[in-house]
PDB file of all heavy atoms in Angstrom:
ATOM      1  N   PRO A   1      76.471  60.423   0.900  1.00  0.00           N
ATOM      2  CA  PRO A   1      76.200  60.538  -0.489  1.00  0.00           C
ATOM      3  C   PRO A   1      75.294  61.725  -0.910  1.00  0.00           C
ATOM      4  O   PRO A   1      75.316  62.180  -2.050  1.00  0.00           O
ATOM      5  CB  PRO A   1      75.677  59.244  -0.957  1.00  0.00           C
ATOM      6  CG  PRO A   1      76.050  58.351   0.265  1.00  0.00           C
ATOM      7  CD  PRO A   1      76.139  59.152   1.437  1.00  0.00           C
ATOM      8  N   ALA A   2      74.355  62.015   0.115  1.00  0.00           N
ATOM      9  CA  ALA A   2      73.471  63.118  -0.286  1.00  0.00           C
ATOM     10  C   ALA A   2      73.925  64.500  -0.151  1.00  0.00           C
ATOM     11  O   ALA A   2      73.286  65.531  -0.547  1.00  0.00           O
ATOM     12  CB  ALA A   2      72.199  62.908   0.742  1.00  0.00           C
ATOM     13  N   ALA A   3      75.158  64.748   0.428  1.00  0.00           N
ATOM     14  CA  ALA A   3      75.686  66.046   0.508  1.00  0.00           C
ATOM     15  C   ALA A   3      76.305  66.571  -0.758  1.00  0.00           C
ATOM     16  O   ALA A   3      76.928  65.759  -1.565  1.00  0.00           O
ATOM     17  CB  ALA A   3      76.769  66.094   1.695  1.00  0.00           C
ATOM     18  N   LEU A   4      76.396  67.857  -0.975  1.00  0.00           N
ATOM     19  CA  LEU A   4      77.142  68.476  -1.930  1.00  0.00           C
ATOM     20  C   LEU A   4      78.671  68.191  -1.645  1.00  0.00           C
ATOM     21  O   LEU A   4      79.046  68.420  -0.432  1.00  0.00           O
ATOM     22  CB  LEU A   4      76.856  69.907  -2.043  1.00  0.00           C
ATOM     23  CG  LEU A   4      77.723  70.733  -2.963  1.00  0.00           C
ATOM     24  CD1 LEU A   4      77.614  70.425  -4.558  1.00  0.00           C
ATOM     25  CD2 LEU A   4      77.438  72.205  -2.869  1.00  0.00           C
ATOM     26  N   HIS A   5      79.417  67.788  -2.677  1.00  0.00           N
ATOM     27  CA  HIS A   5      80.856  67.414  -2.453  1.00  0.00           C
ATOM     28  C   HIS A   5      81.749  68.360  -3.137  1.00  0.00           C
ATOM     29  O   HIS A   5      81.909  68.376  -4.383  1.00  0.00           O
ATOM     30  CB  HIS A   5      81.054  66.035  -2.876  1.00  0.00           C
ATOM     31  CG  HIS A   5      80.391  64.931  -2.119  1.00  0.00           C
ATOM     32  ND1 HIS A   5      80.071  63.685  -2.661  1.00  0.00           N
ATOM     33  CD2 HIS A   5      79.848  64.886  -0.878  1.00  0.00           C
ATOM     34  CE1 HIS A   5      79.436  62.974  -1.848  1.00  0.00           C
ATOM     35  NE2 HIS A   5      79.311  63.753  -0.680  1.00  0.00           N
ATOM     36  N   ASN A   6      82.448  69.226  -2.283  1.00  0.00           N
ATOM     37  CA  ASN A   6      83.500  70.084  -2.863  1.00  0.00           C
ATOM     38  C   ASN A   6      83.226  70.853  -4.127  1.00  0.00           C
ATOM     39  O   ASN A   6      83.720  70.362  -5.143  1.00  0.00           O
ATOM     40  CB  ASN A   6      84.778  69.127  -2.987  1.00  0.00           C
ATOM     41  CG  ASN A   6      85.021  68.294  -1.795  1.00  0.00           C
ATOM     42  OD1 ASN A   6      84.916  67.065  -1.824  1.00  0.00           O
ATOM     43  ND2 ASN A   6      85.407  68.923  -0.745  1.00  0.00           N
ATOM     44  N   PRO A   7      82.371  71.784  -4.004  1.00  0.00           N
ATOM     45  CA  PRO A   7      81.928  72.645  -5.217  1.00  0.00           C
ATOM     46  C   PRO A   7      83.207  73.256  -5.893  1.00  0.00           C
ATOM     47  O   PRO A   7      84.145  73.654  -5.242  1.00  0.00           O
ATOM     48  CB  PRO A   7      80.981  73.700  -4.691  1.00  0.00           C
ATOM     49  CG  PRO A   7      81.419  73.800  -3.138  1.00  0.00           C
ATOM     50  CD  PRO A   7      81.840  72.465  -2.847  1.00  0.00           C
ATOM     51  N   ASP A   8      83.185  73.187  -7.118  1.00  0.00           N
ATOM     52  CA  ASP A   8      84.308  73.709  -7.958  1.00  0.00           C
ATOM     53  C   ASP A   8      83.866  74.754  -8.894  1.00  0.00           C
ATOM     54  O   ASP A   8      84.004  75.910  -8.666  1.00  0.00           O
ATOM     55  CB  ASP A   8      84.925  72.448  -8.774  1.00  0.00           C
ATOM     56  CG  ASP A   8      86.278  72.730  -9.374  1.00  0.00           C
ATOM     57  OD1 ASP A   8      86.645  73.964  -9.565  1.00  0.00           O
ATOM     58  OD2 ASP A   8      87.001  71.841  -9.752  1.00  0.00           O
ATOM     59  N   ASN A   9      83.367  74.394 -10.167  1.00  0.00           N
ATOM     60  CA  ASN A   9      82.990  75.416 -11.089  1.00  0.00           C
ATOM     61  C   ASN A   9      81.527  75.798 -11.029  1.00  0.00           C
ATOM     62  O   ASN A   9      80.744  75.049 -10.595  1.00  0.00           O
ATOM     63  CB  ASN A   9      83.285  74.926 -12.395  1.00  0.00           C
ATOM     64  CG  ASN A   9      84.778  74.794 -12.635  1.00  0.00           C
ATOM     65  OD1 ASN A   9      85.418  73.810 -12.664  1.00  0.00           O
ATOM     66  ND2 ASN A   9      85.417  76.011 -12.981  1.00  0.00           N
ATOM     67  N   LEU A  10      81.303  77.049 -11.413  1.00  0.00           N
ATOM     68  CA  LEU A  10      79.915  77.658 -11.326  1.00  0.00           C
ATOM     69  C   LEU A  10      79.563  78.530 -12.591  1.00  0.00           C
ATOM     70  O   LEU A  10      80.438  78.934 -13.322  1.00  0.00           O
ATOM     71  CB  LEU A  10      79.909  78.779 -10.202  1.00  0.00           C
ATOM     72  CG  LEU A  10      80.263  78.319  -8.746  1.00  0.00           C
ATOM     73  CD1 LEU A  10      80.271  79.553  -7.960  1.00  0.00           C
ATOM     74  CD2 LEU A  10      79.344  77.240  -8.194  1.00  0.00           C
ATOM     75  N   ASP A  11      78.410  78.484 -12.842  1.00  0.00           N
ATOM     76  CA  ASP A  11      77.838  79.549 -13.772  1.00  0.00           C
ATOM     77  C   ASP A  11      76.366  79.748 -13.378  1.00  0.00           C
ATOM     78  O   ASP A  11      75.712  79.050 -12.718  1.00  0.00           O
ATOM     79  CB  ASP A  11      77.992  79.215 -15.315  1.00  0.00           C
ATOM     80  CG  ASP A  11      77.941  80.392 -16.117  1.00  0.00           C
ATOM     81  OD1 ASP A  11      77.970  81.597 -15.677  1.00  0.00           O
ATOM     82  OD2 ASP A  11      77.763  80.265 -17.401  1.00  0.00           O
ATOM     83  N   THR A  12      75.725  80.955 -14.016  1.00  0.00           N
ATOM     84  CA  THR A  12      74.477  81.295 -13.674  1.00  0.00           C
ATOM     85  C   THR A  12      73.655  81.449 -15.046  1.00  0.00           C
ATOM     86  O   THR A  12      74.237  81.771 -16.029  1.00  0.00           O
ATOM     87  CB  THR A  12      74.296  82.627 -13.000  1.00  0.00           C
ATOM     88  OG1 THR A  12      74.952  83.604 -13.532  1.00  0.00           O
ATOM     89  CG2 THR A  12      74.939  82.386 -11.537  1.00  0.00           C
ATOM     90  N   SER A  13      72.334  81.339 -14.883  1.00  0.00           N
ATOM     91  CA  SER A  13      71.350  81.871 -15.844  1.00  0.00           C
ATOM     92  C   SER A  13      70.432  82.728 -15.024  1.00  0.00           C
ATOM     93  O   SER A  13      70.767  83.143 -13.918  1.00  0.00           O
ATOM     94  CB  SER A  13      70.582  80.677 -16.427  1.00  0.00           C
ATOM     95  OG  SER A  13      69.771  80.022 -15.488  1.00  0.00           O
ATOM     96  N   LEU A  14      69.407  83.222 -15.723  1.00  0.00           N
ATOM     97  CA  LEU A  14      68.465  84.042 -15.000  1.00  0.00           C
ATOM     98  C   LEU A  14      67.712  83.538 -13.800  1.00  0.00           C
ATOM     99  O   LEU A  14      67.390  84.193 -12.918  1.00  0.00           O
ATOM    100  CB  LEU A  14      67.390  84.564 -16.078  1.00  0.00           C
ATOM    101  CG  LEU A  14      67.847  85.541 -17.135  1.00  0.00           C
ATOM    102  CD1 LEU A  14      66.689  85.911 -18.097  1.00  0.00           C
ATOM    103  CD2 LEU A  14      68.355  86.835 -16.558  1.00  0.00           C
ATOM    104  N   ASN A  15      67.625  82.125 -13.746  1.00  0.00           N
ATOM    105  CA  ASN A  15      66.903  81.505 -12.685  1.00  0.00           C
ATOM    106  C   ASN A  15      67.773  80.408 -11.941  1.00  0.00           C
ATOM    107  O   ASN A  15      67.322  79.680 -11.070  1.00  0.00           O
ATOM    108  CB  ASN A  15      65.696  80.968 -13.073  1.00  0.00           C
ATOM    109  CG  ASN A  15      65.744  79.784 -14.076  1.00  0.00           C
ATOM    110  OD1 ASN A  15      66.892  79.505 -14.478  1.00  0.00           O
ATOM    111  ND2 ASN A  15      64.552  79.262 -14.455  1.00  0.00           N
ATOM    112  N   SER A  16      69.000  80.155 -12.398  1.00  0.00           N
ATOM    113  CA  SER A  16      69.787  78.953 -11.804  1.00  0.00           C
ATOM    114  C   SER A  16      71.264  79.426 -11.447  1.00  0.00           C
ATOM    115  O   SER A  16      71.794  80.164 -12.179  1.00  0.00           O
ATOM    116  CB  SER A  16      69.775  77.852 -12.978  1.00  0.00           C
ATOM    117  OG  SER A  16      68.474  77.470 -13.170  1.00  0.00           O
ATOM    118  N   LEU A  17      71.660  78.714 -10.493  1.00  0.00           N
ATOM    119  CA  LEU A  17      73.083  78.708 -10.222  1.00  0.00           C
ATOM    120  C   LEU A  17      73.481  77.200 -10.329  1.00  0.00           C
ATOM    121  O   LEU A  17      73.008  76.383  -9.618  1.00  0.00           O
ATOM    122  CB  LEU A  17      73.393  79.095  -8.792  1.00  0.00           C
ATOM    123  CG  LEU A  17      74.867  78.918  -8.389  1.00  0.00           C
ATOM    124  CD1 LEU A  17      75.828  79.735  -9.081  1.00  0.00           C
ATOM    125  CD2 LEU A  17      75.034  79.385  -6.784  1.00  0.00           C
ATOM    126  N   MET A  18      74.361  76.955 -11.322  1.00  0.00           N
ATOM    127  CA  MET A  18      74.885  75.590 -11.617  1.00  0.00           C
ATOM    128  C   MET A  18      76.179  75.353 -10.910  1.00  0.00           C
ATOM    129  O   MET A  18      76.998  76.214 -10.928  1.00  0.00           O
ATOM    130  CB  MET A  18      74.944  75.309 -13.055  1.00  0.00           C
ATOM    131  CG  MET A  18      73.745  75.622 -13.927  1.00  0.00           C
ATOM    132  SD  MET A  18      72.258  74.745 -13.407  1.00  0.00           S
ATOM    133  CE  MET A  18      72.753  73.133 -14.171  1.00  0.00           C
ATOM    134  N   ILE A  19      76.259  74.247 -10.171  1.00  0.00           N
ATOM    135  CA  ILE A  19      77.456  73.863  -9.348  1.00  0.00           C
ATOM    136  C   ILE A  19      77.996  72.506  -9.758  1.00  0.00           C
ATOM    137  O   ILE A  19      77.325  71.478  -9.789  1.00  0.00           O
ATOM    138  CB  ILE A  19      77.057  73.827  -7.962  1.00  0.00           C
ATOM    139  CG1 ILE A  19      76.263  75.095  -7.465  1.00  0.00           C
ATOM    140  CG2 ILE A  19      78.265  73.670  -7.022  1.00  0.00           C
ATOM    141  CD1 ILE A  19      75.579  75.039  -6.073  1.00  0.00           C
ATOM    142  N   GLN A  20      79.291  72.466  -9.902  1.00  0.00           N
ATOM    143  CA  GLN A  20      79.943  71.176 -10.315  1.00  0.00           C
ATOM    144  C   GLN A  20      80.931  70.723  -9.108  1.00  0.00           C
ATOM    145  O   GLN A  20      81.544  71.552  -8.444  1.00  0.00           O
ATOM    146  CB  GLN A  20      80.850  71.378 -11.547  1.00  0.00           C
ATOM    147  CG  GLN A  20      79.968  71.674 -12.791  1.00  0.00           C
ATOM    148  CD  GLN A  20      80.902  71.871 -14.007  1.00  0.00           C
ATOM    149  OE1 GLN A  20      81.692  72.951 -13.931  1.00  0.00           O
ATOM    150  NE2 GLN A  20      80.854  71.140 -15.007  1.00  0.00           N
ATOM    151  N   GLU A  21      80.808  69.421  -8.904  1.00  0.00           N
ATOM    152  CA  GLU A  21      81.637  68.840  -7.873  1.00  0.00           C
ATOM    153  C   GLU A  21      83.030  68.432  -8.382  1.00  0.00           C
ATOM    154  O   GLU A  21      83.109  67.882  -9.495  1.00  0.00           O
ATOM    155  CB  GLU A  21      80.944  67.634  -7.284  1.00  0.00           C
ATOM    156  CG  GLU A  21      79.655  67.940  -6.555  1.00  0.00           C
ATOM    157  CD  GLU A  21      78.892  66.661  -6.092  1.00  0.00           C
ATOM    158  OE1 GLU A  21      78.997  65.519  -6.714  1.00  0.00           O
ATOM    159  OE2 GLU A  21      78.398  66.681  -5.034  1.00  0.00           O
ATOM    160  N   ASP A  22      83.985  68.541  -7.493  1.00  0.00           N
ATOM    161  CA  ASP A  22      85.301  67.979  -7.731  1.00  0.00           C
ATOM    162  C   ASP A  22      85.742  67.163  -6.392  1.00  0.00           C
ATOM    163  O   ASP A  22      86.459  67.853  -5.611  1.00  0.00           O
ATOM    164  CB  ASP A  22      86.285  69.017  -8.156  1.00  0.00           C
ATOM    165  CG  ASP A  22      87.712  68.408  -8.305  1.00  0.00           C
ATOM    166  OD1 ASP A  22      87.865  67.199  -8.262  1.00  0.00           O
ATOM    167  OD2 ASP A  22      88.704  69.243  -8.368  1.00  0.00           O
ATOM    168  N   PRO A  23      85.186  66.035  -6.167  1.00  0.00           N
ATOM    169  CA  PRO A  23      85.201  65.332  -4.920  1.00  0.00           C
ATOM    170  C   PRO A  23      86.788  65.122  -4.445  1.00  0.00           C
ATOM    171  O   PRO A  23      87.530  64.720  -5.311  1.00  0.00           O
ATOM    172  CB  PRO A  23      84.443  64.066  -5.089  1.00  0.00           C
ATOM    173  CG  PRO A  23      83.621  64.243  -6.222  1.00  0.00           C
ATOM    174  CD  PRO A  23      84.348  65.148  -7.187  1.00  0.00           C
ATOM    175  N   GLY A  24      87.046  65.348  -3.229  1.00  0.00           N
ATOM    176  CA  GLY A  24      88.321  65.041  -2.710  1.00  0.00           C
ATOM    177  C   GLY A  24      88.247  63.515  -2.321  1.00  0.00           C
ATOM    178  O   GLY A  24      87.243  62.785  -2.491  1.00  0.00           O
ATOM    179  N   SER A  25      89.426  62.974  -2.020  1.00  0.00           N
ATOM    180  CA  SER A  25      89.557  61.499  -1.834  1.00  0.00           C
ATOM    181  C   SER A  25      88.626  61.039  -0.682  1.00  0.00           C
ATOM    182  O   SER A  25      88.060  59.903  -0.655  1.00  0.00           O
ATOM    183  CB  SER A  25      90.984  61.112  -1.445  1.00  0.00           C
ATOM    184  OG  SER A  25      91.492  61.759  -0.351  1.00  0.00           O
ATOM    185  N   HIS A  26      88.314  61.998   0.265  1.00  0.00           N
ATOM    186  CA  HIS A  26      87.418  61.635   1.393  1.00  0.00           C
ATOM    187  C   HIS A  26      85.972  61.621   0.943  1.00  0.00           C
ATOM    188  O   HIS A  26      85.140  61.011   1.690  1.00  0.00           O
ATOM    189  CB  HIS A  26      87.642  62.698   2.506  1.00  0.00           C
ATOM    190  CG  HIS A  26      87.250  64.049   2.027  1.00  0.00           C
ATOM    191  ND1 HIS A  26      88.021  64.874   1.254  1.00  0.00           N
ATOM    192  CD2 HIS A  26      86.163  64.882   2.331  1.00  0.00           C
ATOM    193  CE1 HIS A  26      87.624  66.054   1.081  1.00  0.00           C
ATOM    194  NE2 HIS A  26      86.398  66.003   1.707  1.00  0.00           N
ATOM    195  N   ASN A  27      85.676  62.104  -0.195  1.00  0.00           N
ATOM    196  CA  ASN A  27      84.287  61.978  -0.790  1.00  0.00           C
ATOM    197  C   ASN A  27      84.227  61.125  -1.982  1.00  0.00           C
ATOM    198  O   ASN A  27      83.311  61.287  -2.897  1.00  0.00           O
ATOM    199  CB  ASN A  27      83.917  63.430  -1.169  1.00  0.00           C
ATOM    200  CG  ASN A  27      83.295  64.174   0.065  1.00  0.00           C
ATOM    201  OD1 ASN A  27      82.564  63.540   0.897  1.00  0.00           O
ATOM    202  ND2 ASN A  27      83.474  65.494   0.061  1.00  0.00           N
ATOM    203  N   SER A  28      85.250  60.274  -2.111  1.00  0.00           N
ATOM    204  CA  SER A  28      85.098  59.151  -3.216  1.00  0.00           C
ATOM    205  C   SER A  28      84.729  57.957  -2.598  1.00  0.00           C
ATOM    206  O   SER A  28      84.979  57.517  -1.375  1.00  0.00           O
ATOM    207  CB  SER A  28      86.553  58.932  -3.842  1.00  0.00           C
ATOM    208  OG  SER A  28      86.973  60.176  -4.522  1.00  0.00           O
ATOM    209  N   PHE A  29      83.962  57.127  -3.359  1.00  0.00           N
ATOM    210  CA  PHE A  29      83.237  55.970  -2.799  1.00  0.00           C
ATOM    211  C   PHE A  29      83.646  54.579  -3.491  1.00  0.00           C
ATOM    212  O   PHE A  29      83.906  54.840  -4.797  1.00  0.00           O
ATOM    213  CB  PHE A  29      81.702  56.175  -2.761  1.00  0.00           C
ATOM    214  CG  PHE A  29      81.228  57.264  -2.014  1.00  0.00           C
ATOM    215  CD1 PHE A  29      81.148  58.549  -2.477  1.00  0.00           C
ATOM    216  CD2 PHE A  29      80.816  56.957  -0.751  1.00  0.00           C
ATOM    217  CE1 PHE A  29      80.597  59.579  -1.739  1.00  0.00           C
ATOM    218  CE2 PHE A  29      80.230  58.039   0.088  1.00  0.00           C
ATOM    219  CZ  PHE A  29      80.197  59.311  -0.390  1.00  0.00           C
ATOM    220  N   PRO A  30      83.680  53.535  -2.957  1.00  0.00           N
ATOM    221  CA  PRO A  30      83.942  52.238  -3.675  1.00  0.00           C
ATOM    222  C   PRO A  30      82.834  52.074  -4.757  1.00  0.00           C
ATOM    223  O   PRO A  30      81.740  52.609  -4.529  1.00  0.00           O
ATOM    224  CB  PRO A  30      83.803  51.183  -2.616  1.00  0.00           C
ATOM    225  CG  PRO A  30      84.040  51.877  -1.366  1.00  0.00           C
ATOM    226  CD  PRO A  30      83.647  53.363  -1.496  1.00  0.00           C
ATOM    227  N   VAL A  31      83.107  51.527  -5.838  1.00  0.00           N
ATOM    228  CA  VAL A  31      82.312  51.252  -6.917  1.00  0.00           C
ATOM    229  C   VAL A  31      80.897  50.480  -6.435  1.00  0.00           C
ATOM    230  O   VAL A  31      80.911  49.620  -5.735  1.00  0.00           O
ATOM    231  CB  VAL A  31      82.902  50.425  -8.002  1.00  0.00           C
ATOM    232  CG1 VAL A  31      81.850  50.074  -9.079  1.00  0.00           C
ATOM    233  CG2 VAL A  31      84.128  51.072  -8.635  1.00  0.00           C
ATOM    234  N   GLY A  32      79.823  51.305  -6.676  1.00  0.00           N
ATOM    235  CA  GLY A  32      78.503  50.716  -6.308  1.00  0.00           C
ATOM    236  C   GLY A  32      78.109  51.289  -4.987  1.00  0.00           C
ATOM    237  O   GLY A  32      76.883  50.978  -4.546  1.00  0.00           O
ATOM    238  N   GLN A  33      78.892  52.080  -4.302  1.00  0.00           N
ATOM    239  CA  GLN A  33      78.557  52.467  -2.921  1.00  0.00           C
ATOM    240  C   GLN A  33      78.225  53.969  -2.691  1.00  0.00           C
ATOM    241  O   GLN A  33      78.124  54.426  -1.667  1.00  0.00           O
ATOM    242  CB  GLN A  33      79.521  51.998  -1.937  1.00  0.00           C
ATOM    243  CG  GLN A  33      79.677  50.472  -1.891  1.00  0.00           C
ATOM    244  CD  GLN A  33      80.635  50.016  -0.726  1.00  0.00           C
ATOM    245  OE1 GLN A  33      80.813  50.728   0.229  1.00  0.00           O
ATOM    246  NE2 GLN A  33      81.168  48.900  -0.896  1.00  0.00           N
ATOM    247  N   GLY A  34      78.349  54.714  -3.826  1.00  0.00           N
ATOM    248  CA  GLY A  34      78.031  56.113  -3.698  1.00  0.00           C
ATOM    249  C   GLY A  34      77.864  56.848  -5.042  1.00  0.00           C
ATOM    250  O   GLY A  34      77.901  56.117  -6.047  1.00  0.00           O
ATOM    251  N   PRO A  35      77.798  58.170  -5.037  1.00  0.00           N
ATOM    252  CA  PRO A  35      77.768  58.855  -6.237  1.00  0.00           C
ATOM    253  C   PRO A  35      79.108  59.228  -6.960  1.00  0.00           C
ATOM    254  O   PRO A  35      80.168  59.350  -6.346  1.00  0.00           O
ATOM    255  CB  PRO A  35      76.992  60.105  -5.995  1.00  0.00           C
ATOM    256  CG  PRO A  35      77.563  60.463  -4.531  1.00  0.00           C
ATOM    257  CD  PRO A  35      77.744  59.060  -3.867  1.00  0.00           C
ATOM    258  N   ALA A  36      79.080  59.319  -8.269  1.00  0.00           N
ATOM    259  CA  ALA A  36      80.227  59.924  -8.983  1.00  0.00           C
ATOM    260  C   ALA A  36      80.021  61.408  -8.856  1.00  0.00           C
ATOM    261  O   ALA A  36      78.996  61.924  -8.269  1.00  0.00           O
ATOM    262  CB  ALA A  36      80.203  59.494 -10.353  1.00  0.00           C
ATOM    263  N   ALA A  37      80.897  62.146  -9.387  1.00  0.00           N
ATOM    264  CA  ALA A  37      80.804  63.689  -9.270  1.00  0.00           C
ATOM    265  C   ALA A  37      79.512  64.111 -10.049  1.00  0.00           C
ATOM    266  O   ALA A  37      79.199  63.519 -11.133  1.00  0.00           O
ATOM    267  CB  ALA A  37      82.007  64.348  -9.867  1.00  0.00           C
TER     268      ALA A  37
END
């Protein structure tokens, strides 16, 4: 759960790189047992 899962979309500002996850089925978790995207 602590790992970055399947990065998809990106954008930047002057000090940040923003990263969005699109988890594959291997990075999906039963309800209550892991993070959402």
